[in-house]
Amino acid sequence: MDKEIVSLLAREAGLEKALAEFPDDVAAAAKQAAGARQKIIAPADPRAEPWPAMRAGDGL
Protein backbone atom coordinates (compact mmCIF):
# COMPACT_ATOMS: atom_id res chain seq x y z
CA MET A 1 0.00 0.00 0.00
CA ASP A 2 1.31 3.43 -0.99
CA LYS A 3 2.57 5.68 1.83
CA GLU A 4 0.41 8.56 0.60
CA ILE A 5 -2.72 6.43 0.78
CA VAL A 6 -1.83 5.19 4.27
CA SER A 7 -1.20 8.78 5.37
CA LEU A 8 -4.52 9.96 3.94
CA LEU A 9 -6.47 7.09 5.51
CA ALA A 10 -4.78 7.63 8.87
CA ARG A 11 -5.63 11.33 8.84
CA GLU A 12 -9.25 10.61 7.86
CA ALA A 13 -9.46 8.17 10.79
CA GLY A 14 -7.98 10.72 13.23
CA LEU A 15 -4.73 8.80 13.67
CA GLU A 16 -2.29 11.64 13.06
CA LYS A 17 -0.47 11.08 16.37
CA ALA A 18 -0.20 7.32 15.79
CA LEU A 19 1.05 7.95 12.25
CA ALA A 20 3.69 10.37 13.53
CA GLU A 21 4.89 8.06 16.32
CA PHE A 22 4.43 4.63 14.74
CA PRO A 23 4.33 4.93 10.93
CA ASP A 24 5.32 1.30 10.33
CA ASP A 25 2.59 0.01 12.62
CA VAL A 26 -0.05 2.19 10.98
CA ALA A 27 1.08 0.97 7.55
CA ALA A 28 0.92 -2.65 8.70
CA ALA A 29 -2.57 -2.13 10.10
CA ALA A 30 -3.72 -0.52 6.84
CA LYS A 31 -2.31 -3.43 4.84
CA GLN A 32 -4.04 -5.94 7.11
CA ALA A 33 -7.35 -4.07 6.88
CA ALA A 34 -7.13 -3.96 3.08
CA GLY A 35 -6.54 -7.72 3.02
CA ALA A 36 -9.53 -8.35 5.27
CA ARG A 37 -11.72 -6.10 3.12
CA GLN A 38 -10.92 -8.18 0.03
CA LYS A 39 -12.14 -11.35 1.79
CA ILE A 40 -15.60 -9.94 2.49
CA ILE A 41 -18.15 -11.19 -0.01
CA ALA A 42 -20.94 -8.78 -0.85
CA PRO A 43 -24.39 -10.37 -1.03
CA ALA A 44 -25.80 -10.89 -4.53
CA ASP A 45 -29.05 -9.21 -3.46
CA PRO A 46 -28.22 -5.83 -1.84
CA ARG A 47 -31.50 -5.96 0.10
CA ALA A 48 -30.55 -9.26 1.75
CA GLU A 49 -29.37 -9.09 5.33
CA PRO A 50 -26.51 -11.35 6.43
CA TRP A 51 -28.40 -12.20 9.62
CA PRO A 52 -31.90 -11.56 10.94
CA ALA A 53 -32.76 -7.99 11.80
CA MET A 54 -32.02 -7.08 15.39
CA ARG A 55 -35.02 -6.00 17.39
CA ALA A 56 -35.08 -4.84 20.96
CA GLY A 57 -36.87 -7.30 23.23
CA ASP A 58 -36.83 -10.31 20.89
CA GLY A 59 -35.65 -13.48 22.56
CA LEU A 60 -35.44 -12.03 26.05
PDB file of N, CA and C in Angstrom:
ATOM      1  N   MET A   1       0.846  -1.172   0.000  1.00  0.00           N
ATOM      2  CA  MET A   1       0.000   0.000   0.000  1.00  0.00           C
ATOM      3  C   MET A   1       0.894   1.240   0.000  1.00  0.00           C
ATOM      4  N   ASP A   2       0.548   2.198  -0.812  1.00  0.00           N
ATOM      5  CA  ASP A   2       1.307   3.432  -0.988  1.00  0.00           C
ATOM      6  C   ASP A   2       1.316   4.253   0.303  1.00  0.00           C
ATOM      7  N   LYS A   3       2.457   4.869   0.612  1.00  0.00           N
ATOM      8  CA  LYS A   3       2.573   5.680   1.834  1.00  0.00           C
ATOM      9  C   LYS A   3       1.602   6.851   1.844  1.00  0.00           C
ATOM     10  N   GLU A   4       1.348   7.428   0.677  1.00  0.00           N
ATOM     11  CA  GLU A   4       0.413   8.562   0.597  1.00  0.00           C
ATOM     12  C   GLU A   4      -1.006   8.122   0.948  1.00  0.00           C
ATOM     13  N   ILE A   5      -1.390   6.947   0.479  1.00  0.00           N
ATOM     14  CA  ILE A   5      -2.723   6.431   0.784  1.00  0.00           C
ATOM     15  C   ILE A   5      -2.840   6.124   2.269  1.00  0.00           C
ATOM     16  N   VAL A   6      -1.819   5.501   2.840  1.00  0.00           N
ATOM     17  CA  VAL A   6      -1.827   5.195   4.272  1.00  0.00           C
ATOM     18  C   VAL A   6      -1.929   6.489   5.074  1.00  0.00           C
ATOM     19  N   SER A   7      -1.177   7.494   4.674  1.00  0.00           N
ATOM     20  CA  SER A   7      -1.204   8.778   5.365  1.00  0.00           C
ATOM     21  C   SER A   7      -2.590   9.409   5.293  1.00  0.00           C
ATOM     22  N   LEU A   8      -3.182   9.392   4.117  1.00  0.00           N
ATOM     23  CA  LEU A   8      -4.520   9.964   3.937  1.00  0.00           C
ATOM     24  C   LEU A   8      -5.554   9.215   4.774  1.00  0.00           C
ATOM     25  N   LEU A   9      -5.520   7.891   4.730  1.00  0.00           N
ATOM     26  CA  LEU A   9      -6.474   7.088   5.513  1.00  0.00           C
ATOM     27  C   LEU A   9      -6.297   7.313   7.011  1.00  0.00           C
ATOM     28  N   ALA A  10      -5.049   7.404   7.456  1.00  0.00           N
ATOM     29  CA  ALA A  10      -4.781   7.633   8.874  1.00  0.00           C
ATOM     30  C   ALA A  10      -5.313   8.993   9.315  1.00  0.00           C
ATOM     31  N   ARG A  11      -5.132   9.995   8.502  1.00  0.00           N
ATOM     32  CA  ARG A  11      -5.630  11.331   8.842  1.00  0.00           C
ATOM     33  C   ARG A  11      -7.152  11.352   8.867  1.00  0.00           C
ATOM     34  N   GLU A  12      -7.781  10.672   7.904  1.00  0.00           N
ATOM     35  CA  GLU A  12      -9.248  10.607   7.865  1.00  0.00           C
ATOM     36  C   GLU A  12      -9.791   9.887   9.094  1.00  0.00           C
ATOM     37  N   ALA A  13      -9.036   8.936   9.620  1.00  0.00           N
ATOM     38  CA  ALA A  13      -9.460   8.171  10.794  1.00  0.00           C
ATOM     39  C   ALA A  13      -9.071   8.858  12.099  1.00  0.00           C
ATOM     40  N   GLY A  14      -8.381  10.008  12.022  1.00  0.00           N
ATOM     41  CA  GLY A  14      -7.980  10.724  13.227  1.00  0.00           C
ATOM     42  C   GLY A  14      -6.756  10.110  13.899  1.00  0.00           C
ATOM     43  N   LEU A  15      -5.901   9.488  13.120  1.00  0.00           N
ATOM     44  CA  LEU A  15      -4.727   8.801  13.672  1.00  0.00           C
ATOM     45  C   LEU A  15      -3.423   9.541  13.374  1.00  0.00           C
ATOM     46  N   GLU A  16      -3.481  10.862  13.364  1.00  0.00           N
ATOM     47  CA  GLU A  16      -2.291  11.641  13.064  1.00  0.00           C
ATOM     48  C   GLU A  16      -1.164  11.363  14.054  1.00  0.00           C
ATOM     49  N   LYS A  17      -1.495  11.312  15.337  1.00  0.00           N
ATOM     50  CA  LYS A  17      -0.469  11.084  16.366  1.00  0.00           C
ATOM     51  C   LYS A  17       0.143   9.692  16.217  1.00  0.00           C
ATOM     52  N   ALA A  18      -0.704   8.683  15.986  1.00  0.00           N
ATOM     53  CA  ALA A  18      -0.197   7.322  15.788  1.00  0.00           C
ATOM     54  C   ALA A  18       0.672   7.249  14.539  1.00  0.00           C
ATOM     55  N   LEU A  19       0.275   7.931  13.483  1.00  0.00           N
ATOM     56  CA  LEU A  19       1.054   7.946  12.247  1.00  0.00           C
ATOM     57  C   LEU A  19       2.411   8.604  12.473  1.00  0.00           C
ATOM     58  N   ALA A  20       2.422   9.669  13.257  1.00  0.00           N
ATOM     59  CA  ALA A  20       3.687  10.370  13.532  1.00  0.00           C
ATOM     60  C   ALA A  20       4.622   9.520  14.396  1.00  0.00           C
ATOM     61  N   GLU A  21       4.059   8.822  15.390  1.00  0.00           N
ATOM     62  CA  GLU A  21       4.889   8.061  16.323  1.00  0.00           C
ATOM     63  C   GLU A  21       5.203   6.643  15.843  1.00  0.00           C
ATOM     64  N   PHE A  22       4.275   6.025  15.128  1.00  0.00           N
ATOM     65  CA  PHE A  22       4.431   4.629  14.735  1.00  0.00           C
ATOM     66  C   PHE A  22       4.029   4.419  13.263  1.00  0.00           C
ATOM     67  N   PRO A  23       4.742   5.025  12.332  1.00  0.00           N
ATOM     68  CA  PRO A  23       4.334   4.932  10.927  1.00  0.00           C
ATOM     69  C   PRO A  23       4.330   3.502  10.379  1.00  0.00           C
ATOM     70  N   ASP A  24       5.273   2.691  10.812  1.00  0.00           N
ATOM     71  CA  ASP A  24       5.323   1.302  10.330  1.00  0.00           C
ATOM     72  C   ASP A  24       4.132   0.494  10.823  1.00  0.00           C
ATOM     73  N   ASP A  25       3.736   0.728  12.061  1.00  0.00           N
ATOM     74  CA  ASP A  25       2.591   0.014  12.619  1.00  0.00           C
ATOM     75  C   ASP A  25       1.289   0.427  11.940  1.00  0.00           C
ATOM     76  N   VAL A  26       1.154   1.707  11.661  1.00  0.00           N
ATOM     77  CA  VAL A  26      -0.052   2.194  10.975  1.00  0.00           C
ATOM     78  C   VAL A  26      -0.105   1.620   9.562  1.00  0.00           C
ATOM     79  N   ALA A  27       1.029   1.547   8.895  1.00  0.00           N
ATOM     80  CA  ALA A  27       1.080   0.973   7.548  1.00  0.00           C
ATOM     81  C   ALA A  27       0.730  -0.509   7.579  1.00  0.00           C
ATOM     82  N   ALA A  28       1.241  -1.224   8.573  1.00  0.00           N
ATOM     83  CA  ALA A  28       0.924  -2.654   8.702  1.00  0.00           C
ATOM     84  C   ALA A  28      -0.561  -2.868   8.974  1.00  0.00           C
ATOM     85  N   ALA A  29      -1.142  -2.024   9.801  1.00  0.00           N
ATOM     86  CA  ALA A  29      -2.574  -2.134  10.095  1.00  0.00           C
ATOM     87  C   ALA A  29      -3.409  -1.834   8.857  1.00  0.00           C
ATOM     88  N   ALA A  30      -3.006  -0.857   8.070  1.00  0.00           N
ATOM     89  CA  ALA A  30      -3.722  -0.525   6.836  1.00  0.00           C
ATOM     90  C   ALA A  30      -3.644  -1.678   5.843  1.00  0.00           C
ATOM     91  N   LYS A  31      -2.483  -2.287   5.740  1.00  0.00           N
ATOM     92  CA  LYS A  31      -2.313  -3.432   4.839  1.00  0.00           C
ATOM     93  C   LYS A  31      -3.184  -4.608   5.290  1.00  0.00           C
ATOM     94  N   GLN A  32      -3.222  -4.853   6.577  1.00  0.00           N
ATOM     95  CA  GLN A  32      -4.041  -5.940   7.110  1.00  0.00           C
ATOM     96  C   GLN A  32      -5.526  -5.661   6.878  1.00  0.00           C
ATOM     97  N   ALA A  33      -5.950  -4.435   7.088  1.00  0.00           N
ATOM     98  CA  ALA A  33      -7.350  -4.070   6.876  1.00  0.00           C
ATOM     99  C   ALA A  33      -7.737  -4.205   5.404  1.00  0.00           C
ATOM    100  N   ALA A  34      -6.845  -3.820   4.510  1.00  0.00           N
ATOM    101  CA  ALA A  34      -7.126  -3.957   3.081  1.00  0.00           C
ATOM    102  C   ALA A  34      -7.265  -5.423   2.701  1.00  0.00           C
ATOM    103  N   GLY A  35      -6.446  -6.278   3.294  1.00  0.00           N
ATOM    104  CA  GLY A  35      -6.540  -7.715   3.022  1.00  0.00           C
ATOM    105  C   GLY A  35      -7.842  -8.291   3.536  1.00  0.00           C
ATOM    106  N   ALA A  36      -8.274  -7.858   4.703  1.00  0.00           N
ATOM    107  CA  ALA A  36      -9.527  -8.348   5.267  1.00  0.00           C
ATOM    108  C   ALA A  36     -10.717  -7.868   4.432  1.00  0.00           C
ATOM    109  N   ARG A  37     -10.623  -6.662   3.933  1.00  0.00           N
ATOM    110  CA  ARG A  37     -11.718  -6.101   3.119  1.00  0.00           C
ATOM    111  C   ARG A  37     -11.904  -6.906   1.840  1.00  0.00           C
ATOM    112  N   GLN A  38     -10.826  -7.409   1.260  1.00  0.00           N
ATOM    113  CA  GLN A  38     -10.917  -8.182   0.028  1.00  0.00           C
ATOM    114  C   GLN A  38     -11.582  -9.536   0.257  1.00  0.00           C
ATOM    115  N   LYS A  39     -11.549 -10.039   1.479  1.00  0.00           N
ATOM    116  CA  LYS A  39     -12.138 -11.345   1.785  1.00  0.00           C
ATOM    117  C   LYS A  39     -13.643 -11.282   2.021  1.00  0.00           C
ATOM    118  N   ILE A  40     -14.167 -10.087   2.223  1.00  0.00           N
ATOM    119  CA  ILE A  40     -15.596  -9.937   2.485  1.00  0.00           C
ATOM    120  C   ILE A  40     -16.355 -10.083   1.169  1.00  0.00           C
ATOM    121  N   ILE A  41     -17.359 -10.953   1.188  1.00  0.00           N
ATOM    122  CA  ILE A  41     -18.149 -11.194  -0.011  1.00  0.00           C
ATOM    123  C   ILE A  41     -19.458 -10.419   0.110  1.00  0.00           C
ATOM    124  N   ALA A  42     -19.700  -9.557  -0.842  1.00  0.00           N
ATOM    125  CA  ALA A  42     -20.935  -8.779  -0.850  1.00  0.00           C
ATOM    126  C   ALA A  42     -22.087  -9.687  -1.264  1.00  0.00           C
ATOM    127  N   PRO A  43     -23.256  -9.536  -0.644  1.00  0.00           N
ATOM    128  CA  PRO A  43     -24.389 -10.372  -1.030  1.00  0.00           C
ATOM    129  C   PRO A  43     -24.836 -10.057  -2.464  1.00  0.00           C
ATOM    130  N   ALA A  44     -25.332 -11.077  -3.155  1.00  0.00           N
ATOM    131  CA  ALA A  44     -25.801 -10.885  -4.529  1.00  0.00           C
ATOM    132  C   ALA A  44     -27.007  -9.953  -4.558  1.00  0.00           C
ATOM    133  N   ASP A  45     -27.876 -10.071  -3.564  1.00  0.00           N
ATOM    134  CA  ASP A  45     -29.051  -9.209  -3.456  1.00  0.00           C
ATOM    135  C   ASP A  45     -28.743  -8.137  -2.415  1.00  0.00           C
ATOM    136  N   PRO A  46     -28.596  -6.873  -2.811  1.00  0.00           N
ATOM    137  CA  PRO A  46     -28.223  -5.830  -1.844  1.00  0.00           C
ATOM    138  C   PRO A  46     -29.251  -5.632  -0.741  1.00  0.00           C
ATOM    139  N   ARG A  47     -30.485  -6.095  -0.949  1.00  0.00           N
ATOM    140  CA  ARG A  47     -31.499  -5.959   0.102  1.00  0.00           C
ATOM    141  C   ARG A  47     -31.412  -7.072   1.129  1.00  0.00           C
ATOM    142  N   ALA A  48     -30.666  -8.120   0.830  1.00  0.00           N
ATOM    143  CA  ALA A  48     -30.546  -9.257   1.745  1.00  0.00           C
ATOM    144  C   ALA A  48     -29.715  -8.869   2.955  1.00  0.00           C
ATOM    145  N   GLU A  49     -30.130  -9.343   4.108  1.00  0.00           N
ATOM    146  CA  GLU A  49     -29.370  -9.095   5.332  1.00  0.00           C
ATOM    147  C   GLU A  49     -28.563 -10.339   5.655  1.00  0.00           C
ATOM    148  N   PRO A  50     -27.332 -10.182   6.132  1.00  0.00           N
ATOM    149  CA  PRO A  50     -26.510 -11.350   6.430  1.00  0.00           C
ATOM    150  C   PRO A  50     -27.010 -12.133   7.650  1.00  0.00           C
ATOM    151  N   TRP A  51     -27.796 -11.518   8.491  1.00  0.00           N
ATOM    152  CA  TRP A  51     -28.401 -12.203   9.625  1.00  0.00           C
ATOM    153  C   TRP A  51     -29.742 -11.531   9.894  1.00  0.00           C
ATOM    154  N   PRO A  52     -30.588 -12.165  10.681  1.00  0.00           N
ATOM    155  CA  PRO A  52     -31.902 -11.560  10.938  1.00  0.00           C
ATOM    156  C   PRO A  52     -31.781 -10.168  11.559  1.00  0.00           C
ATOM    157  N   ALA A  53     -32.758  -9.356  11.249  1.00  0.00           N
ATOM    158  CA  ALA A  53     -32.759  -7.987  11.798  1.00  0.00           C
ATOM    159  C   ALA A  53     -32.778  -8.040  13.322  1.00  0.00           C
ATOM    160  N   MET A  54     -32.069  -7.130  13.927  1.00  0.00           N
ATOM    161  CA  MET A  54     -32.021  -7.079  15.393  1.00  0.00           C
ATOM    162  C   MET A  54     -33.144  -6.197  15.884  1.00  0.00           C
ATOM    163  N   ARG A  55     -33.899  -6.741  16.834  1.00  0.00           N
ATOM    164  CA  ARG A  55     -35.023  -5.999  17.386  1.00  0.00           C
ATOM    165  C   ARG A  55     -34.917  -6.035  18.904  1.00  0.00           C
ATOM    166  N   ALA A  56     -35.114  -4.903  19.513  1.00  0.00           N
ATOM    167  CA  ALA A  56     -35.078  -4.839  20.964  1.00  0.00           C
ATOM    168  C   ALA A  56     -36.187  -5.687  21.545  1.00  0.00           C
ATOM    169  N   GLY A  57     -35.867  -6.503  22.524  1.00  0.00           N
ATOM    170  CA  GLY A  57     -36.869  -7.297  23.228  1.00  0.00           C
ATOM    171  C   GLY A  57     -37.097  -8.687  22.675  1.00  0.00           C
ATOM    172  N   ASP A  58     -36.666  -8.969  21.447  1.00  0.00           N
ATOM    173  CA  ASP A  58     -36.828 -10.315  20.893  1.00  0.00           C
ATOM    174  C   ASP A  58     -35.907 -11.290  21.594  1.00  0.00           C
ATOM    175  N   GLY A  59     -36.466 -12.412  21.978  1.00  0.00           N
ATOM    176  CA  GLY A  59     -35.651 -13.481  22.565  1.00  0.00           C
ATOM    177  C   GLY A  59     -35.239 -13.243  24.005  1.00  0.00           C
ATOM    178  N   LEU A  60     -35.814 -12.272  24.646  1.00  0.00           N
ATOM    179  CA  LEU A  60     -35.441 -12.025  26.045  1.00  0.00           C
ATOM    180  C   LEU A  60     -36.286 -12.831  26.983  1.00  0.00           C
TER     181      LEU A  60
END
